[in-house]
Amino acid sequence: MFPDFSAAEAARTRAAAGRIETARLPEDTGKWDWWPEHLGVDPVHKDIQPIIAGTTLTLSNSGVDWLELALCIVRETRQRFTVSATVEVACWCDPDHNMHVVRKDEHLVGTGTALASAFESAGSALERWAGGSHDPDAYRAAAGLEPASPTSRASGPGGAEAEDSVILKLA
């Protein structure tokens, strides 16, 4: 990604990825995704940035509600990337937004050294969040979002409308 990305920086990045993996719950079957073909793609629109690499850690998934941690490296421009760690919860709004990012640790980088440092910082944020609450409503409350209601928990995010979409996904 960067010509100046040294072997030492690659080792730091791999070590941070290893620490992220140790934060993954045993029942989480997630993996790392890598799209090297996006390295040569210039974003054509400011709202569309190619994802280079990332992973998601699922802390809670009841089938109708969930809490996930994500780490992504996204291309902003030819020489700039964003490394971000996020806490994401299922959306219970009407209309349904699918999910809300309720915490974020984000770094814009332009060198190999900055990439390794940003990856370590984002990884540390994921480790810290993984050691905290696994209750999606706790994160919703801290972000000022409505909690999942007991009646809507039975049908999933978005209420009865979401029940149909869950059925369609299973069919």
N, C-alpha and C. Protein backbone atom coordinates (compact mmCIF):
# COMPACT_ATOMS: atom_id res chain seq x y z
N MET A 1 0.83 -1.19 0.00
CA MET A 1 0.00 0.00 0.00
C MET A 1 0.87 1.25 0.00
N PHE A 2 1.97 1.19 0.75
CA PHE A 2 2.91 2.30 0.80
C PHE A 2 4.30 1.76 0.54
N PRO A 3 5.06 2.41 -0.35
CA PRO A 3 6.42 1.94 -0.61
C PRO A 3 7.30 1.95 0.64
N ASP A 4 6.99 2.84 1.59
CA ASP A 4 7.82 2.93 2.79
C ASP A 4 7.33 2.03 3.93
N PHE A 5 6.42 1.10 3.65
CA PHE A 5 5.91 0.18 4.67
C PHE A 5 6.98 -0.88 4.92
N SER A 6 7.69 -0.74 6.03
CA SER A 6 8.85 -1.58 6.31
C SER A 6 8.45 -2.94 6.87
N ALA A 7 9.42 -3.84 6.93
CA ALA A 7 9.18 -5.16 7.53
C ALA A 7 8.80 -5.01 9.00
N ALA A 8 9.41 -4.05 9.69
CA ALA A 8 9.08 -3.83 11.11
C ALA A 8 7.63 -3.34 11.26
N GLU A 9 7.19 -2.47 10.36
CA GLU A 9 5.81 -1.99 10.41
C GLU A 9 4.83 -3.11 10.06
N ALA A 10 5.20 -3.96 9.11
CA ALA A 10 4.36 -5.12 8.78
C ALA A 10 4.25 -6.04 9.99
N ALA A 11 5.35 -6.24 10.71
CA ALA A 11 5.33 -7.09 11.91
C ALA A 11 4.44 -6.48 12.99
N ARG A 12 4.51 -5.16 13.18
CA ARG A 12 3.64 -4.49 14.16
C ARG A 12 2.17 -4.67 13.78
N THR A 13 1.87 -4.56 12.50
CA THR A 13 0.49 -4.70 12.02
C THR A 13 0.01 -6.13 12.23
N ARG A 14 0.85 -7.11 11.89
CA ARG A 14 0.48 -8.52 12.11
C ARG A 14 0.27 -8.82 13.59
N ALA A 15 1.11 -8.25 14.45
CA ALA A 15 0.96 -8.46 15.90
C ALA A 15 -0.36 -7.87 16.39
N ALA A 16 -0.72 -6.69 15.89
CA ALA A 16 -2.00 -6.08 16.29
C ALA A 16 -3.17 -6.93 15.80
N ALA A 17 -3.06 -7.47 14.58
CA ALA A 17 -4.12 -8.35 14.06
C ALA A 17 -4.24 -9.60 14.92
N GLY A 18 -3.12 -10.12 15.39
CA GLY A 18 -3.16 -11.28 16.28
C GLY A 18 -3.85 -10.98 17.59
N ARG A 19 -3.60 -9.78 18.13
CA ARG A 19 -4.29 -9.38 19.38
C ARG A 19 -5.79 -9.23 19.15
N ILE A 20 -6.16 -8.73 17.99
CA ILE A 20 -7.59 -8.62 17.66
C ILE A 20 -8.21 -10.01 17.63
N GLU A 21 -7.51 -10.96 17.05
CA GLU A 21 -8.03 -12.34 16.98
C GLU A 21 -8.23 -12.93 18.37
N THR A 22 -7.36 -12.59 19.31
CA THR A 22 -7.53 -13.14 20.67
C THR A 22 -8.75 -12.53 21.36
N ALA A 23 -9.22 -11.37 20.88
CA ALA A 23 -10.43 -10.74 21.43
C ALA A 23 -11.70 -11.36 20.84
N ARG A 24 -11.56 -12.11 19.75
CA ARG A 24 -12.71 -12.73 19.09
C ARG A 24 -13.27 -13.83 19.99
N LEU A 25 -14.59 -13.85 20.18
CA LEU A 25 -15.23 -14.89 20.99
C LEU A 25 -15.10 -16.25 20.32
N PRO A 26 -15.03 -17.33 21.08
CA PRO A 26 -14.86 -18.67 20.49
C PRO A 26 -15.95 -19.03 19.48
N GLU A 27 -17.19 -18.59 19.73
CA GLU A 27 -18.29 -18.93 18.82
C GLU A 27 -18.34 -18.03 17.59
N ASP A 28 -17.51 -17.00 17.55
CA ASP A 28 -17.47 -16.08 16.40
C ASP A 28 -16.64 -16.72 15.30
N THR A 29 -17.26 -16.99 14.18
CA THR A 29 -16.57 -17.64 13.06
C THR A 29 -16.09 -16.62 12.03
N GLY A 30 -16.00 -15.35 12.44
CA GLY A 30 -15.57 -14.30 11.52
C GLY A 30 -14.16 -14.53 11.02
N LYS A 31 -13.81 -13.79 10.00
CA LYS A 31 -12.48 -13.90 9.39
C LYS A 31 -12.06 -12.52 8.90
N TRP A 32 -10.85 -12.43 8.42
CA TRP A 32 -10.35 -11.21 7.81
C TRP A 32 -10.66 -11.25 6.32
N ASP A 33 -11.07 -10.13 5.78
CA ASP A 33 -11.31 -10.00 4.35
C ASP A 33 -10.23 -9.09 3.77
N TRP A 34 -9.83 -9.37 2.53
CA TRP A 34 -8.75 -8.65 1.88
C TRP A 34 -9.11 -8.51 0.42
N TRP A 35 -9.12 -7.28 -0.07
CA TRP A 35 -9.42 -7.00 -1.47
C TRP A 35 -8.23 -6.27 -2.09
N PRO A 36 -7.16 -6.99 -2.44
CA PRO A 36 -5.97 -6.32 -3.00
C PRO A 36 -6.26 -5.62 -4.32
N GLU A 37 -7.29 -6.06 -5.03
CA GLU A 37 -7.63 -5.41 -6.30
C GLU A 37 -8.10 -3.97 -6.09
N HIS A 38 -8.50 -3.61 -4.87
CA HIS A 38 -8.94 -2.24 -4.58
C HIS A 38 -7.76 -1.28 -4.36
N LEU A 39 -6.56 -1.82 -4.24
CA LEU A 39 -5.40 -0.96 -4.01
C LEU A 39 -5.17 0.00 -5.17
N GLY A 40 -5.43 -0.42 -6.38
CA GLY A 40 -5.21 0.43 -7.55
C GLY A 40 -6.43 1.23 -7.97
N VAL A 41 -7.51 1.16 -7.21
CA VAL A 41 -8.75 1.85 -7.57
C VAL A 41 -8.78 3.22 -6.91
N ASP A 42 -8.97 4.25 -7.72
CA ASP A 42 -9.16 5.59 -7.17
C ASP A 42 -10.64 5.80 -6.92
N PRO A 43 -11.00 6.28 -5.72
CA PRO A 43 -12.41 6.57 -5.46
C PRO A 43 -12.92 7.61 -6.44
N VAL A 44 -14.07 7.35 -7.04
CA VAL A 44 -14.64 8.28 -8.02
C VAL A 44 -15.66 9.21 -7.39
N HIS A 45 -16.09 8.91 -6.19
CA HIS A 45 -17.09 9.71 -5.49
C HIS A 45 -16.72 9.74 -4.02
N LYS A 46 -16.87 10.88 -3.37
CA LYS A 46 -16.44 10.99 -1.97
C LYS A 46 -17.19 10.06 -1.04
N ASP A 47 -18.39 9.61 -1.42
CA ASP A 47 -19.17 8.72 -0.56
C ASP A 47 -18.91 7.24 -0.84
N ILE A 48 -18.07 6.95 -1.82
CA ILE A 48 -17.77 5.56 -2.17
C ILE A 48 -16.26 5.37 -2.08
N GLN A 49 -15.82 4.65 -1.05
CA GLN A 49 -14.41 4.37 -0.89
C GLN A 49 -14.21 2.86 -0.89
N PRO A 50 -13.29 2.37 -1.71
CA PRO A 50 -13.04 0.93 -1.75
C PRO A 50 -12.44 0.42 -0.43
N ILE A 51 -13.01 -0.65 0.08
CA ILE A 51 -12.47 -1.29 1.28
C ILE A 51 -11.29 -2.16 0.86
N ILE A 52 -10.18 -2.00 1.55
CA ILE A 52 -8.97 -2.76 1.24
C ILE A 52 -8.91 -4.03 2.09
N ALA A 53 -9.20 -3.90 3.38
CA ALA A 53 -9.14 -5.04 4.30
C ALA A 53 -10.01 -4.74 5.51
N GLY A 54 -10.42 -5.81 6.19
CA GLY A 54 -11.19 -5.61 7.40
C GLY A 54 -11.65 -6.91 8.03
N THR A 55 -12.20 -6.76 9.22
CA THR A 55 -12.78 -7.89 9.94
C THR A 55 -13.89 -7.38 10.83
N THR A 56 -14.76 -8.29 11.24
CA THR A 56 -15.84 -7.98 12.16
C THR A 56 -15.81 -9.00 13.29
N LEU A 57 -15.94 -8.52 14.52
CA LEU A 57 -16.05 -9.38 15.70
C LEU A 57 -17.47 -9.27 16.21
N THR A 58 -18.18 -10.37 16.30
CA THR A 58 -19.54 -10.37 16.81
C THR A 58 -19.50 -10.63 18.31
N LEU A 59 -19.95 -9.64 19.09
CA LEU A 59 -19.96 -9.79 20.54
C LEU A 59 -21.29 -10.33 21.04
N SER A 60 -22.36 -10.05 20.31
CA SER A 60 -23.69 -10.49 20.71
C SER A 60 -24.55 -10.61 19.47
N ASN A 61 -25.25 -11.73 19.34
CA ASN A 61 -26.19 -11.90 18.23
C ASN A 61 -27.28 -12.86 18.69
N SER A 62 -28.44 -12.29 18.99
CA SER A 62 -29.57 -13.10 19.47
C SER A 62 -30.43 -13.60 18.32
N GLY A 63 -30.08 -13.24 17.11
CA GLY A 63 -30.91 -13.57 15.97
C GLY A 63 -31.83 -12.41 15.59
N VAL A 64 -32.13 -11.55 16.56
CA VAL A 64 -32.95 -10.36 16.28
C VAL A 64 -32.26 -9.08 16.75
N ASP A 65 -31.17 -9.19 17.46
CA ASP A 65 -30.43 -8.03 17.92
C ASP A 65 -28.95 -8.40 17.93
N TRP A 66 -28.09 -7.40 17.72
CA TRP A 66 -26.68 -7.72 17.66
C TRP A 66 -25.80 -6.54 18.02
N LEU A 67 -24.55 -6.88 18.34
CA LEU A 67 -23.49 -5.92 18.65
C LEU A 67 -22.23 -6.43 17.99
N GLU A 68 -21.62 -5.60 17.15
CA GLU A 68 -20.41 -6.01 16.44
C GLU A 68 -19.34 -4.93 16.56
N LEU A 69 -18.10 -5.38 16.48
CA LEU A 69 -16.95 -4.50 16.37
C LEU A 69 -16.36 -4.72 14.98
N ALA A 70 -15.94 -3.65 14.34
CA ALA A 70 -15.38 -3.78 12.99
C ALA A 70 -14.09 -2.98 12.88
N LEU A 71 -13.17 -3.49 12.07
CA LEU A 71 -11.96 -2.77 11.71
C LEU A 71 -11.87 -2.79 10.20
N CYS A 72 -11.70 -1.61 9.59
CA CYS A 72 -11.61 -1.50 8.13
C CYS A 72 -10.46 -0.59 7.74
N ILE A 73 -9.84 -0.94 6.63
CA ILE A 73 -8.90 -0.05 5.96
C ILE A 73 -9.57 0.32 4.64
N VAL A 74 -9.77 1.62 4.44
CA VAL A 74 -10.51 2.11 3.27
C VAL A 74 -9.64 3.10 2.51
N ARG A 75 -9.66 3.00 1.18
CA ARG A 75 -8.91 3.94 0.34
C ARG A 75 -9.70 5.24 0.22
N GLU A 76 -9.06 6.35 0.58
CA GLU A 76 -9.68 7.67 0.44
C GLU A 76 -9.24 8.33 -0.86
N THR A 77 -7.95 8.32 -1.11
CA THR A 77 -7.36 8.83 -2.35
C THR A 77 -6.22 7.87 -2.69
N ARG A 78 -5.51 8.14 -3.77
CA ARG A 78 -4.43 7.23 -4.17
C ARG A 78 -3.40 7.07 -3.05
N GLN A 79 -3.10 8.11 -2.31
CA GLN A 79 -2.06 8.04 -1.29
C GLN A 79 -2.59 8.14 0.14
N ARG A 80 -3.89 8.09 0.33
CA ARG A 80 -4.47 8.22 1.68
C ARG A 80 -5.46 7.09 1.95
N PHE A 81 -5.37 6.57 3.17
CA PHE A 81 -6.28 5.52 3.62
C PHE A 81 -6.86 5.92 4.97
N THR A 82 -8.03 5.41 5.28
CA THR A 82 -8.60 5.56 6.62
C THR A 82 -8.58 4.19 7.27
N VAL A 83 -8.06 4.14 8.49
CA VAL A 83 -8.12 2.94 9.32
C VAL A 83 -9.14 3.26 10.41
N SER A 84 -10.19 2.46 10.48
CA SER A 84 -11.23 2.75 11.48
C SER A 84 -11.64 1.50 12.24
N ALA A 85 -11.90 1.72 13.51
CA ALA A 85 -12.49 0.70 14.38
C ALA A 85 -13.84 1.26 14.81
N THR A 86 -14.88 0.42 14.77
CA THR A 86 -16.22 0.89 15.11
C THR A 86 -16.93 -0.12 15.99
N VAL A 87 -17.88 0.41 16.79
CA VAL A 87 -18.85 -0.39 17.52
C VAL A 87 -20.17 -0.17 16.80
N GLU A 88 -20.81 -1.26 16.37
CA GLU A 88 -22.05 -1.18 15.60
C GLU A 88 -23.15 -1.97 16.30
N VAL A 89 -24.35 -1.37 16.37
CA VAL A 89 -25.50 -2.04 16.98
C VAL A 89 -26.63 -2.10 15.96
N ALA A 90 -27.50 -3.08 16.12
CA ALA A 90 -28.69 -3.19 15.27
C ALA A 90 -29.55 -1.96 15.46
N CYS A 91 -30.20 -1.51 14.40
CA CYS A 91 -31.08 -0.34 14.43
C CYS A 91 -32.49 -0.78 14.79
N TRP A 92 -33.12 -0.02 15.69
CA TRP A 92 -34.51 -0.27 16.08
C TRP A 92 -35.38 0.93 15.74
N CYS A 93 -34.91 1.76 14.83
CA CYS A 93 -35.66 2.95 14.42
C CYS A 93 -36.76 2.58 13.44
N ASP A 94 -37.69 3.50 13.28
CA ASP A 94 -38.70 3.40 12.23
C ASP A 94 -38.54 4.66 11.40
N PRO A 95 -37.98 4.63 10.20
CA PRO A 95 -37.62 3.44 9.43
C PRO A 95 -36.30 2.82 9.90
N ASP A 96 -36.14 1.56 9.56
CA ASP A 96 -34.98 0.77 9.94
C ASP A 96 -33.76 1.21 9.13
N HIS A 97 -32.67 1.58 9.82
CA HIS A 97 -31.41 1.96 9.18
C HIS A 97 -30.43 0.78 9.12
N ASN A 98 -30.84 -0.38 9.56
CA ASN A 98 -30.04 -1.60 9.65
C ASN A 98 -29.10 -1.57 10.85
N MET A 99 -28.23 -0.55 10.93
CA MET A 99 -27.31 -0.48 12.06
C MET A 99 -26.91 0.96 12.32
N HIS A 100 -26.35 1.16 13.51
CA HIS A 100 -25.79 2.46 13.89
C HIS A 100 -24.37 2.25 14.38
N VAL A 101 -23.47 3.12 13.95
CA VAL A 101 -22.12 3.16 14.52
C VAL A 101 -22.22 4.03 15.77
N VAL A 102 -21.92 3.45 16.93
CA VAL A 102 -22.08 4.17 18.19
C VAL A 102 -20.75 4.59 18.82
N ARG A 103 -19.65 4.03 18.35
CA ARG A 103 -18.31 4.46 18.76
C ARG A 103 -17.38 4.28 17.57
N LYS A 104 -16.37 5.16 17.50
CA LYS A 104 -15.45 5.09 16.36
C LYS A 104 -14.07 5.58 16.77
N ASP A 105 -13.06 4.89 16.26
CA ASP A 105 -11.66 5.30 16.39
C ASP A 105 -11.14 5.32 14.96
N GLU A 106 -10.89 6.50 14.41
CA GLU A 106 -10.59 6.63 12.98
C GLU A 106 -9.32 7.44 12.75
N HIS A 107 -8.52 6.99 11.78
CA HIS A 107 -7.24 7.63 11.48
C HIS A 107 -7.06 7.74 9.97
N LEU A 108 -6.75 8.94 9.49
CA LEU A 108 -6.39 9.15 8.09
C LEU A 108 -4.87 9.03 8.00
N VAL A 109 -4.39 8.15 7.13
CA VAL A 109 -2.95 7.89 7.05
C VAL A 109 -2.44 8.07 5.62
N GLY A 110 -1.15 8.40 5.53
CA GLY A 110 -0.54 8.58 4.22
C GLY A 110 0.85 8.00 4.11
N THR A 111 1.30 7.30 5.17
CA THR A 111 2.63 6.67 5.15
C THR A 111 2.52 5.29 5.78
N GLY A 112 3.52 4.47 5.52
CA GLY A 112 3.56 3.14 6.12
C GLY A 112 3.64 3.19 7.63
N THR A 113 4.43 4.12 8.16
CA THR A 113 4.55 4.26 9.62
C THR A 113 3.20 4.64 10.22
N ALA A 114 2.52 5.59 9.59
CA ALA A 114 1.21 6.02 10.09
C ALA A 114 0.19 4.89 9.99
N LEU A 115 0.27 4.08 8.93
CA LEU A 115 -0.65 2.95 8.78
C LEU A 115 -0.46 1.96 9.93
N ALA A 116 0.78 1.61 10.23
CA ALA A 116 1.04 0.66 11.32
C ALA A 116 0.55 1.22 12.66
N SER A 117 0.81 2.49 12.91
CA SER A 117 0.37 3.12 14.17
C SER A 117 -1.15 3.18 14.25
N ALA A 118 -1.80 3.52 13.15
CA ALA A 118 -3.26 3.60 13.13
C ALA A 118 -3.88 2.22 13.33
N PHE A 119 -3.30 1.20 12.71
CA PHE A 119 -3.80 -0.16 12.86
C PHE A 119 -3.67 -0.61 14.31
N GLU A 120 -2.54 -0.29 14.93
CA GLU A 120 -2.35 -0.63 16.35
C GLU A 120 -3.38 0.09 17.22
N SER A 121 -3.62 1.36 16.96
CA SER A 121 -4.59 2.13 17.74
C SER A 121 -6.00 1.58 17.56
N ALA A 122 -6.39 1.31 16.31
CA ALA A 122 -7.72 0.75 16.05
C ALA A 122 -7.85 -0.63 16.69
N GLY A 123 -6.80 -1.43 16.60
CA GLY A 123 -6.83 -2.75 17.24
C GLY A 123 -6.97 -2.65 18.75
N SER A 124 -6.28 -1.69 19.36
CA SER A 124 -6.40 -1.49 20.81
C SER A 124 -7.82 -1.08 21.19
N ALA A 125 -8.44 -0.25 20.35
CA ALA A 125 -9.83 0.14 20.61
C ALA A 125 -10.74 -1.09 20.57
N LEU A 126 -10.55 -1.96 19.57
CA LEU A 126 -11.37 -3.18 19.49
C LEU A 126 -11.16 -4.05 20.72
N GLU A 127 -9.92 -4.22 21.13
CA GLU A 127 -9.64 -5.02 22.33
C GLU A 127 -10.33 -4.44 23.56
N ARG A 128 -10.25 -3.12 23.72
CA ARG A 128 -10.87 -2.44 24.87
C ARG A 128 -12.39 -2.63 24.83
N TRP A 129 -13.00 -2.41 23.66
CA TRP A 129 -14.45 -2.56 23.54
C TRP A 129 -14.88 -4.01 23.74
N ALA A 130 -14.08 -4.96 23.25
CA ALA A 130 -14.42 -6.38 23.42
C ALA A 130 -14.43 -6.77 24.89
N GLY A 131 -13.63 -6.09 25.70
CA GLY A 131 -13.58 -6.36 27.13
C GLY A 131 -14.68 -5.68 27.92
N GLY A 132 -15.49 -4.86 27.25
CA GLY A 132 -16.57 -4.13 27.92
C GLY A 132 -17.90 -4.86 27.80
N SER A 133 -18.96 -4.10 27.87
CA SER A 133 -20.31 -4.64 27.81
C SER A 133 -20.58 -5.33 26.47
N HIS A 134 -21.32 -6.41 26.53
CA HIS A 134 -21.76 -7.10 25.31
C HIS A 134 -23.26 -6.91 25.12
N ASP A 135 -23.83 -5.91 25.79
CA ASP A 135 -25.26 -5.60 25.70
C ASP A 135 -25.48 -4.47 24.70
N PRO A 136 -26.12 -4.75 23.55
CA PRO A 136 -26.33 -3.70 22.55
C PRO A 136 -27.08 -2.49 23.11
N ASP A 137 -28.04 -2.71 24.02
CA ASP A 137 -28.79 -1.59 24.58
C ASP A 137 -27.92 -0.65 25.40
N ALA A 138 -26.88 -1.16 26.04
CA ALA A 138 -25.97 -0.28 26.79
C ALA A 138 -25.30 0.71 25.85
N TYR A 139 -24.89 0.24 24.67
CA TYR A 139 -24.26 1.13 23.68
C TYR A 139 -25.29 2.07 23.07
N ARG A 140 -26.52 1.58 22.83
CA ARG A 140 -27.57 2.45 22.30
C ARG A 140 -27.85 3.59 23.27
N ALA A 141 -27.96 3.26 24.56
CA ALA A 141 -28.25 4.28 25.58
C ALA A 141 -27.13 5.33 25.61
N ALA A 142 -25.88 4.89 25.58
CA ALA A 142 -24.75 5.83 25.61
C ALA A 142 -24.73 6.74 24.39
N ALA A 143 -25.27 6.25 23.26
CA ALA A 143 -25.30 7.04 22.02
C ALA A 143 -26.59 7.85 21.88
N GLY A 144 -27.49 7.74 22.86
CA GLY A 144 -28.75 8.48 22.79
C GLY A 144 -29.77 7.86 21.86
N LEU A 145 -29.61 6.58 21.57
CA LEU A 145 -30.57 5.88 20.70
C LEU A 145 -31.60 5.16 21.56
N GLU A 146 -32.75 4.91 20.97
CA GLU A 146 -33.80 4.18 21.67
C GLU A 146 -33.37 2.72 21.88
N PRO A 147 -33.72 2.16 23.05
CA PRO A 147 -33.42 0.74 23.25
C PRO A 147 -34.36 -0.13 22.43
N ALA A 148 -33.97 -1.36 22.28
CA ALA A 148 -34.87 -2.33 21.64
C ALA A 148 -36.02 -2.58 22.61
N SER A 149 -37.25 -2.45 22.13
CA SER A 149 -38.40 -2.68 23.01
C SER A 149 -38.66 -4.17 23.14
N PRO A 150 -39.25 -4.60 24.28
CA PRO A 150 -39.52 -6.04 24.47
C PRO A 150 -40.38 -6.62 23.35
N THR A 151 -41.38 -5.86 22.85
CA THR A 151 -42.23 -6.40 21.79
C THR A 151 -41.48 -6.47 20.47
N SER A 152 -40.62 -5.50 20.21
CA SER A 152 -39.90 -5.55 18.94
C SER A 152 -38.76 -6.56 18.98
N ARG A 153 -38.27 -6.93 20.17
CA ARG A 153 -37.24 -7.96 20.27
C ARG A 153 -37.74 -9.29 19.69
N ALA A 154 -39.04 -9.51 19.79
CA ALA A 154 -39.60 -10.76 19.28
C ALA A 154 -39.59 -10.80 17.76
N SER A 155 -39.63 -9.63 17.13
CA SER A 155 -39.69 -9.62 15.67
C SER A 155 -38.42 -9.10 15.01
N GLY A 156 -37.53 -8.51 15.79
CA GLY A 156 -36.28 -8.03 15.22
C GLY A 156 -36.27 -6.53 15.02
N PRO A 157 -35.10 -5.99 14.64
CA PRO A 157 -34.99 -4.56 14.42
C PRO A 157 -36.01 -4.08 13.40
N GLY A 158 -36.60 -2.92 13.68
CA GLY A 158 -37.59 -2.35 12.78
C GLY A 158 -38.99 -2.83 13.05
N GLY A 159 -39.20 -3.70 14.04
CA GLY A 159 -40.54 -4.15 14.39
C GLY A 159 -41.06 -5.22 13.46
N ALA A 160 -42.38 -5.23 13.25
CA ALA A 160 -43.04 -6.28 12.47
C ALA A 160 -42.52 -6.33 11.04
N GLU A 161 -42.19 -5.17 10.48
CA GLU A 161 -41.66 -5.13 9.13
C GLU A 161 -40.41 -5.99 9.00
N ALA A 162 -39.56 -5.93 10.01
CA ALA A 162 -38.31 -6.70 9.99
C ALA A 162 -38.58 -8.19 10.09
N GLU A 163 -39.69 -8.57 10.73
CA GLU A 163 -40.01 -9.99 10.84
C GLU A 163 -40.10 -10.60 9.45
N ASP A 164 -40.75 -9.89 8.51
CA ASP A 164 -40.85 -10.39 7.15
C ASP A 164 -39.47 -10.52 6.51
N SER A 165 -38.60 -9.53 6.74
CA SER A 165 -37.29 -9.60 6.12
C SER A 165 -36.46 -10.73 6.71
N VAL A 166 -36.62 -11.02 7.99
CA VAL A 166 -35.90 -12.15 8.59
C VAL A 166 -36.38 -13.44 7.96
N ILE A 167 -37.68 -13.57 7.76
CA ILE A 167 -38.22 -14.77 7.13
C ILE A 167 -37.68 -14.90 5.72
N LEU A 168 -37.62 -13.80 4.98
CA LEU A 168 -37.11 -13.85 3.61
C LEU A 168 -35.65 -14.26 3.59
N LYS A 169 -34.89 -13.79 4.56
CA LYS A 169 -33.47 -14.15 4.61
C LYS A 169 -33.28 -15.63 4.89
N LEU A 170 -34.19 -16.21 5.65
CA LEU A 170 -34.07 -17.62 5.99
C LEU A 170 -34.58 -18.53 4.88
N ALA A 171 -35.44 -17.99 4.03
CA ALA A 171 -36.07 -18.81 2.98
C ALA A 171 -35.10 -19.12 1.87
